N, C-alpha and C. Protein backbone atom coordinates (compact mmCIF):
# COMPACT_ATOMS: atom_id res chain seq x y z
N MET A 1 0.82 -1.16 -0.10
CA MET A 1 -0.07 0.07 0.05
C MET A 1 0.82 1.28 0.25
N THR A 2 2.02 1.06 0.01
CA THR A 2 3.04 2.43 0.11
C THR A 2 3.16 2.92 -1.35
N ASP A 3 3.02 2.35 -2.31
CA ASP A 3 3.32 2.88 -3.61
C ASP A 3 2.06 3.54 -4.37
N ARG A 4 1.10 3.84 -3.50
CA ARG A 4 -0.34 4.41 -3.82
C ARG A 4 -0.43 6.03 -3.37
N LYS A 5 -1.31 6.62 -4.24
CA LYS A 5 -1.32 7.88 -3.80
C LYS A 5 -2.91 8.32 -3.60
N ARG A 6 -3.25 8.88 -2.64
CA ARG A 6 -4.62 9.09 -2.31
C ARG A 6 -5.09 10.47 -3.25
N ILE A 7 -6.32 10.19 -3.85
CA ILE A 7 -6.79 11.13 -4.70
C ILE A 7 -8.29 11.55 -4.34
N ASN A 8 -8.83 12.42 -4.62
CA ASN A 8 -10.34 12.77 -4.68
C ASN A 8 -10.95 13.27 -5.84
N VAL A 9 -11.90 12.51 -6.19
CA VAL A 9 -12.46 12.55 -7.59
C VAL A 9 -13.87 12.85 -7.45
N TYR A 10 -14.53 13.63 -8.49
CA TYR A 10 -15.94 13.77 -8.41
C TYR A 10 -16.44 13.06 -9.59
N ILE A 11 -17.20 12.12 -9.51
CA ILE A 11 -18.02 11.32 -10.69
C ILE A 11 -19.40 11.53 -10.58
N PRO A 12 -20.06 11.25 -11.81
CA PRO A 12 -21.63 11.29 -11.62
C PRO A 12 -22.23 10.41 -10.53
N LEU A 13 -23.27 10.57 -10.38
CA LEU A 13 -23.96 9.89 -9.27
C LEU A 13 -24.21 8.36 -9.87
N GLU A 14 -24.81 8.68 -11.30
CA GLU A 14 -25.27 7.46 -11.79
C GLU A 14 -24.02 6.35 -11.67
N LEU A 15 -22.93 6.86 -12.02
CA LEU A 15 -21.79 6.16 -12.36
C LEU A 15 -21.28 5.35 -10.91
N TYR A 16 -21.28 6.30 -9.83
CA TYR A 16 -20.99 5.82 -8.54
C TYR A 16 -21.99 4.76 -7.87
N VAL A 17 -23.32 4.73 -8.47
CA VAL A 17 -24.30 3.58 -8.00
C VAL A 17 -23.78 2.53 -8.77
N LYS A 18 -23.45 2.61 -10.05
CA LYS A 18 -23.44 1.30 -10.72
C LYS A 18 -22.13 0.84 -10.40
N VAL A 19 -20.99 1.43 -9.86
CA VAL A 19 -19.85 0.83 -9.21
C VAL A 19 -20.23 0.37 -7.92
N THR A 20 -20.67 0.91 -7.21
CA THR A 20 -21.05 0.32 -5.95
C THR A 20 -21.86 -1.21 -6.04
N GLN A 21 -22.87 -1.21 -6.92
CA GLN A 21 -23.46 -2.21 -7.36
C GLN A 21 -22.65 -3.38 -8.11
N SER A 22 -21.67 -3.12 -8.41
CA SER A 22 -20.86 -4.16 -9.09
C SER A 22 -20.07 -4.79 -8.43
N GLU A 23 -19.01 -5.68 -8.93
CA GLU A 23 -18.37 -6.69 -8.26
C GLU A 23 -16.90 -5.61 -7.62
N TYR A 24 -16.87 -4.56 -8.36
CA TYR A 24 -15.57 -3.83 -8.11
C TYR A 24 -15.84 -2.95 -7.01
N ASN A 25 -14.65 -2.42 -6.09
CA ASN A 25 -14.85 -1.58 -5.30
C ASN A 25 -14.29 -0.30 -5.91
N LEU A 26 -14.59 1.15 -5.37
CA LEU A 26 -14.06 2.32 -5.98
C LEU A 26 -12.77 2.32 -6.50
N THR A 27 -11.81 1.88 -5.72
CA THR A 27 -10.63 1.95 -6.07
C THR A 27 -10.23 1.17 -7.19
N ASP A 28 -10.61 -0.14 -7.27
CA ASP A 28 -10.35 -1.07 -8.41
C ASP A 28 -10.96 -0.45 -9.58
N ALA A 29 -12.37 0.05 -9.65
CA ALA A 29 -12.89 0.56 -10.60
C ALA A 29 -12.17 1.69 -11.29
N ILE A 30 -11.60 2.70 -10.58
CA ILE A 30 -10.90 3.74 -10.89
C ILE A 30 -9.38 3.54 -11.42
N VAL A 31 -8.76 2.59 -10.74
CA VAL A 31 -7.67 2.19 -11.39
C VAL A 31 -7.74 1.41 -12.67
N LYS A 32 -8.72 0.61 -12.83
CA LYS A 32 -9.00 -0.38 -13.84
C LYS A 32 -9.24 0.86 -15.08
N GLY A 33 -10.25 1.79 -14.90
CA GLY A 33 -10.61 3.06 -15.87
C GLY A 33 -9.01 3.68 -16.41
N LEU A 34 -8.34 4.24 -15.47
CA LEU A 34 -7.27 4.61 -15.75
C LEU A 34 -6.40 3.96 -16.58
N ASP A 35 -6.07 2.65 -16.08
CA ASP A 35 -5.55 1.79 -17.05
C ASP A 35 -6.00 1.63 -18.53
N ILE A 36 -6.98 1.72 -18.80
CA ILE A 36 -7.50 1.60 -19.90
C ILE A 36 -7.40 2.78 -20.80
N VAL A 37 -7.59 4.05 -19.96
CA VAL A 37 -7.42 5.43 -20.80
C VAL A 37 -5.89 5.71 -21.27
N LEU A 38 -5.04 5.08 -20.20
CA LEU A 38 -3.58 5.46 -20.51
C LEU A 38 -2.69 4.46 -21.20
N SER A 39 -3.29 3.20 -21.44
CA SER A 39 -2.72 2.04 -22.23
C SER A 39 -2.74 2.56 -23.78
N ASP A 40 -1.40 2.05 -24.39
CA ASP A 40 -1.15 2.51 -25.57
C ASP A 40 -1.81 1.61 -26.77
N LYS A 41 -2.31 0.42 -26.31
CA LYS A 41 -3.17 -0.69 -27.15
C LYS A 41 -4.47 0.06 -27.06
N PRO A 42 -5.02 0.04 -28.49
CA PRO A 42 -6.37 0.23 -28.54
C PRO A 42 -7.36 -0.62 -28.46
N ASN A 43 -8.48 -0.29 -27.96
CA ASN A 43 -9.61 -1.79 -27.32
C ASN A 43 -9.96 -2.22 -28.64
N ASN A 44 -10.47 -3.38 -28.44
CA ASN A 44 -11.38 -4.17 -29.59
C ASN A 44 -12.12 -3.33 -30.57
N ASN A 45 -12.94 -2.18 -30.06
CA ASN A 45 -13.97 -1.26 -30.75
C ASN A 45 -12.75 -0.38 -31.75
N GLU A 46 -12.16 0.00 -31.17
CA GLU A 46 -11.31 0.91 -32.07
C GLU A 46 -10.38 0.23 -32.74
N SER A 47 -10.10 -0.76 -32.61
CA SER A 47 -9.26 -1.79 -33.66
C SER A 47 -10.14 -2.09 -34.90
N VAL A 48 -11.27 -2.31 -34.69
CA VAL A 48 -12.52 -2.62 -35.57
C VAL A 48 -12.62 -1.52 -36.53
N ASN A 49 -12.69 -0.24 -35.77
CA ASN A 49 -12.87 0.80 -36.52
C ASN A 49 -11.76 1.13 -37.43
N ILE A 50 -10.56 1.04 -36.93
CA ILE A 50 -9.40 1.26 -37.67
C ILE A 50 -9.28 0.16 -39.13
N GLN A 51 -9.70 -0.73 -38.61
CA GLN A 51 -9.56 -1.56 -39.90
C GLN A 51 -10.77 -1.52 -40.94
N LEU A 52 -11.91 -0.93 -40.47
CA LEU A 52 -12.88 -0.38 -41.13
C LEU A 52 -12.32 0.45 -42.34
N TYR A 53 -11.99 1.42 -41.54
CA TYR A 53 -11.34 2.71 -42.39
C TYR A 53 -10.42 2.34 -43.20
N GLU A 54 -9.45 1.37 -43.05
CA GLU A 54 -8.30 1.09 -43.80
C GLU A 54 -9.03 0.30 -44.97
N ASP A 55 -9.92 -0.51 -44.69
CA ASP A 55 -10.53 -1.14 -46.04
C ASP A 55 -11.32 -0.07 -46.81
N ARG A 56 -11.89 0.79 -46.16
CA ARG A 56 -12.50 1.80 -47.22
C ARG A 56 -11.79 2.54 -47.71
N ILE A 57 -10.45 3.04 -47.05
CA ILE A 57 -9.43 3.77 -47.87
C ILE A 57 -9.08 2.99 -49.12
N LYS A 58 -8.68 1.64 -48.98
CA LYS A 58 -8.31 0.55 -50.04
C LYS A 58 -9.22 0.80 -51.14
N ASP A 59 -10.49 0.46 -50.92
CA ASP A 59 -11.81 0.52 -51.82
C ASP A 59 -11.89 1.61 -52.63
N LEU A 60 -11.61 2.94 -51.99
CA LEU A 60 -11.66 4.12 -52.39
C LEU A 60 -10.49 4.51 -53.32
N GLN A 61 -9.38 3.88 -53.05
CA GLN A 61 -8.09 4.06 -53.79
C GLN A 61 -8.30 3.25 -55.15
N ILE A 62 -8.98 2.12 -54.92
CA ILE A 62 -9.13 1.16 -56.08
C ILE A 62 -10.13 2.08 -57.04
N HIS A 63 -11.21 2.56 -56.65
CA HIS A 63 -12.22 3.23 -57.35
C HIS A 63 -11.66 4.50 -58.06
N ASN A 64 -10.67 5.07 -57.64
CA ASN A 64 -9.79 6.09 -57.70
C ASN A 64 -9.28 5.99 -59.16
N GLU A 65 -8.48 4.75 -59.17
CA GLU A 65 -7.60 4.44 -60.25
C GLU A 65 -8.57 3.89 -61.24
N THR A 66 -9.79 3.51 -60.92
CA THR A 66 -10.60 3.07 -62.21
C THR A 66 -11.29 4.19 -62.82
N LEU A 67 -11.62 5.10 -61.88
CA LEU A 67 -11.96 6.54 -62.62
C LEU A 67 -10.86 7.15 -63.39
N LYS A 68 -9.72 7.19 -63.17
CA LYS A 68 -8.42 7.69 -63.73
C LYS A 68 -8.50 6.87 -65.18
N THR A 69 -8.71 5.64 -65.21
CA THR A 69 -8.44 5.05 -66.65
C THR A 69 -9.59 5.31 -67.42
N GLU A 70 -11.07 5.49 -66.82
CA GLU A 70 -12.05 5.99 -67.54
C GLU A 70 -11.71 7.12 -67.99
N LEU A 71 -11.45 8.00 -67.38
CA LEU A 71 -11.07 9.42 -67.73
C LEU A 71 -10.25 9.66 -69.03
N GLN A 72 -9.11 8.79 -68.71
CA GLN A 72 -8.28 8.84 -69.76
C GLN A 72 -8.50 7.86 -71.20
N THR A 73 -9.59 7.06 -71.02
CA THR A 73 -10.27 6.63 -72.19
C THR A 73 -11.15 7.50 -72.90
N ILE A 74 -12.10 8.35 -71.96
CA ILE A 74 -12.76 9.05 -72.68
C ILE A 74 -12.29 10.39 -73.25
N GLN A 75 -11.06 10.72 -72.84
CA GLN A 75 -9.88 11.76 -73.19
C GLN A 75 -9.54 11.46 -74.90
N ASN A 76 -9.30 10.26 -74.59
CA ASN A 76 -8.85 9.63 -76.10
C ASN A 76 -9.76 9.68 -77.14
N MET A 77 -11.00 9.18 -76.48
CA MET A 77 -11.88 9.18 -77.59
C MET A 77 -12.39 10.53 -78.03
N TYR A 78 -12.39 11.51 -77.18
CA TYR A 78 -12.74 12.86 -77.60
C TYR A 78 -11.79 13.22 -78.76
N ASN A 79 -10.48 13.19 -78.35
CA ASN A 79 -9.33 13.47 -79.24
C ASN A 79 -9.43 13.05 -80.41
N ASN A 80 -9.91 11.67 -80.63
CA ASN A 80 -9.59 10.97 -81.81
C ASN A 80 -11.22 11.46 -82.52
N TYR A 81 -12.24 12.03 -81.80
CA TYR A 81 -13.34 12.48 -82.34
C TYR A 81 -12.96 13.79 -83.34
N MET A 82 -12.57 14.59 -82.41
CA MET A 82 -12.08 15.82 -82.98
C MET A 82 -11.30 15.77 -84.08
N LEU A 83 -10.33 15.04 -84.16
CA LEU A 83 -9.46 14.78 -85.26
C LEU A 83 -10.29 14.39 -86.49
N GLN A 84 -11.07 13.49 -86.33
CA GLN A 84 -11.98 12.98 -87.29
C GLN A 84 -12.82 14.10 -87.88
N VAL A 85 -13.25 14.96 -87.00
CA VAL A 85 -14.23 16.05 -87.65
C VAL A 85 -13.19 16.96 -88.06
N GLN A 86 -11.87 17.48 -87.86
CA GLN A 86 -11.22 18.37 -88.33
C GLN A 86 -10.69 17.81 -89.73
N THR A 87 -10.51 16.54 -89.74
CA THR A 87 -10.06 16.00 -90.98
C THR A 87 -11.19 16.01 -92.22
N ILE A 88 -12.47 15.78 -91.54
CA ILE A 88 -13.66 16.04 -92.46
C ILE A 88 -13.82 17.11 -92.87
N ILE A 89 -13.44 18.34 -92.09
CA ILE A 89 -13.67 19.91 -92.61
C ILE A 89 -12.65 20.05 -93.58
N ASN A 90 -11.33 19.75 -93.50
CA ASN A 90 -10.31 19.81 -94.32
C ASN A 90 -10.67 19.11 -95.65
N GLN A 91 -11.09 17.78 -95.78
CA GLN A 91 -11.57 17.28 -96.71
C GLN A 91 -12.55 18.18 -97.64
N ARG A 92 -13.55 18.56 -96.94
CA ARG A 92 -14.59 19.46 -97.58
C ARG A 92 -14.13 20.73 -98.00
N ALA A 93 -12.89 21.25 -97.60
CA ALA A 93 -12.70 22.67 -98.09
C ALA A 93 -12.06 22.56 -99.28
N LEU A 94 -11.22 21.25 -99.33
CA LEU A 94 -10.47 20.95 -100.60
C LEU A 94 -11.26 20.64 -101.54
N GLU A 95 -12.32 19.77 -101.50
CA GLU A 95 -12.95 19.33 -102.56
C GLU A 95 -13.81 20.42 -103.18
N GLU A 96 -14.74 21.42 -102.12
CA GLU A 96 -15.61 22.28 -102.69
C GLU A 96 -14.52 23.55 -103.47
N PRO A 97 -15.40 24.07 -104.66
CA PRO A 97 -14.33 25.09 -105.13
C PRO A 97 -14.77 26.34 -104.25
N LYS A 98 -13.81 27.43 -103.99
CA LYS A 98 -14.27 28.45 -103.14
C LYS A 98 -15.32 29.39 -103.89
N LYS A 99 -16.39 29.52 -103.24
CA LYS A 99 -17.42 30.41 -104.03
C LYS A 99 -17.17 32.09 -103.35
N SER A 100 -17.54 32.79 -104.09
CA SER A 100 -17.38 34.16 -103.33
C SER A 100 -18.71 34.80 -103.32
N ILE A 101 -18.65 35.83 -102.43
CA ILE A 101 -20.17 36.54 -102.19
C ILE A 101 -20.75 37.07 -103.71
N TRP A 102 -19.96 37.09 -104.68
CA TRP A 102 -20.34 37.65 -105.91
C TRP A 102 -21.27 36.70 -106.52
N ASP A 103 -20.78 35.24 -106.41
CA ASP A 103 -21.72 34.11 -106.90
C ASP A 103 -23.18 34.01 -106.48
N ALA A 104 -23.15 34.36 -105.07
CA ALA A 104 -24.45 34.28 -104.59
C ALA A 104 -25.19 35.53 -104.91
N TRP A 105 -24.67 36.50 -105.33
CA TRP A 105 -25.25 37.96 -105.83
C TRP A 105 -25.84 37.45 -107.10
N LYS A 106 -25.09 37.07 -108.18
CA LYS A 106 -25.39 36.68 -109.39
C LYS A 106 -26.70 35.72 -109.29
N PHE A 107 -26.76 34.76 -108.32
CA PHE A 107 -27.73 33.80 -108.37
C PHE A 107 -29.16 34.51 -107.98
N TRP A 108 -28.98 35.51 -107.34
CA TRP A 108 -30.38 36.42 -106.63
C TRP A 108 -30.69 37.55 -107.84
N ARG A 109 -29.82 37.90 -108.56
CA ARG A 109 -30.04 38.91 -109.76
C ARG A 109 -30.69 38.27 -110.94
N ASN A 110 -30.30 36.98 -110.94
CA ASN A 110 -31.06 36.38 -112.21
C ASN A 110 -32.26 35.98 -112.12
N LYS A 111 -32.80 35.90 -110.74
CA LYS A 111 -34.24 35.50 -110.58
C LYS A 111 -35.14 36.46 -111.01
C-alpha cells in the first residue's frame, strides 16, 4: 500500500451507483479505468473501426484508379473524334471550289 497515492475525484452519481452495485470497489474501478485510458494499445472497438477505415481507404483508392483510367479513355475518344471532324472539314474545304459572295449575288440577280 505504500506505492499508492490518495486522490479525490468527482464522478457522476449514476456511475457511483453502478460501481457500488458491481463486483468492483471504487479504488479498483478507478484504477482499471485509468489503465484503459492510459494504455497504448487500442481496445477491440477501436481496432475494428481502424480496420474498417483502412478497408474503406483501399476501396476508394481502387475506385479512384478506375475513374482515372475511364477518364483517360474518354479523353482519348474525344481527341480522336475531334481529329476526325477536323479531317472531314479539311477534306470538304479541299473538294468544294471556293465561292465568292458575288456568286450568290449573281444567283439572286438572275431570278
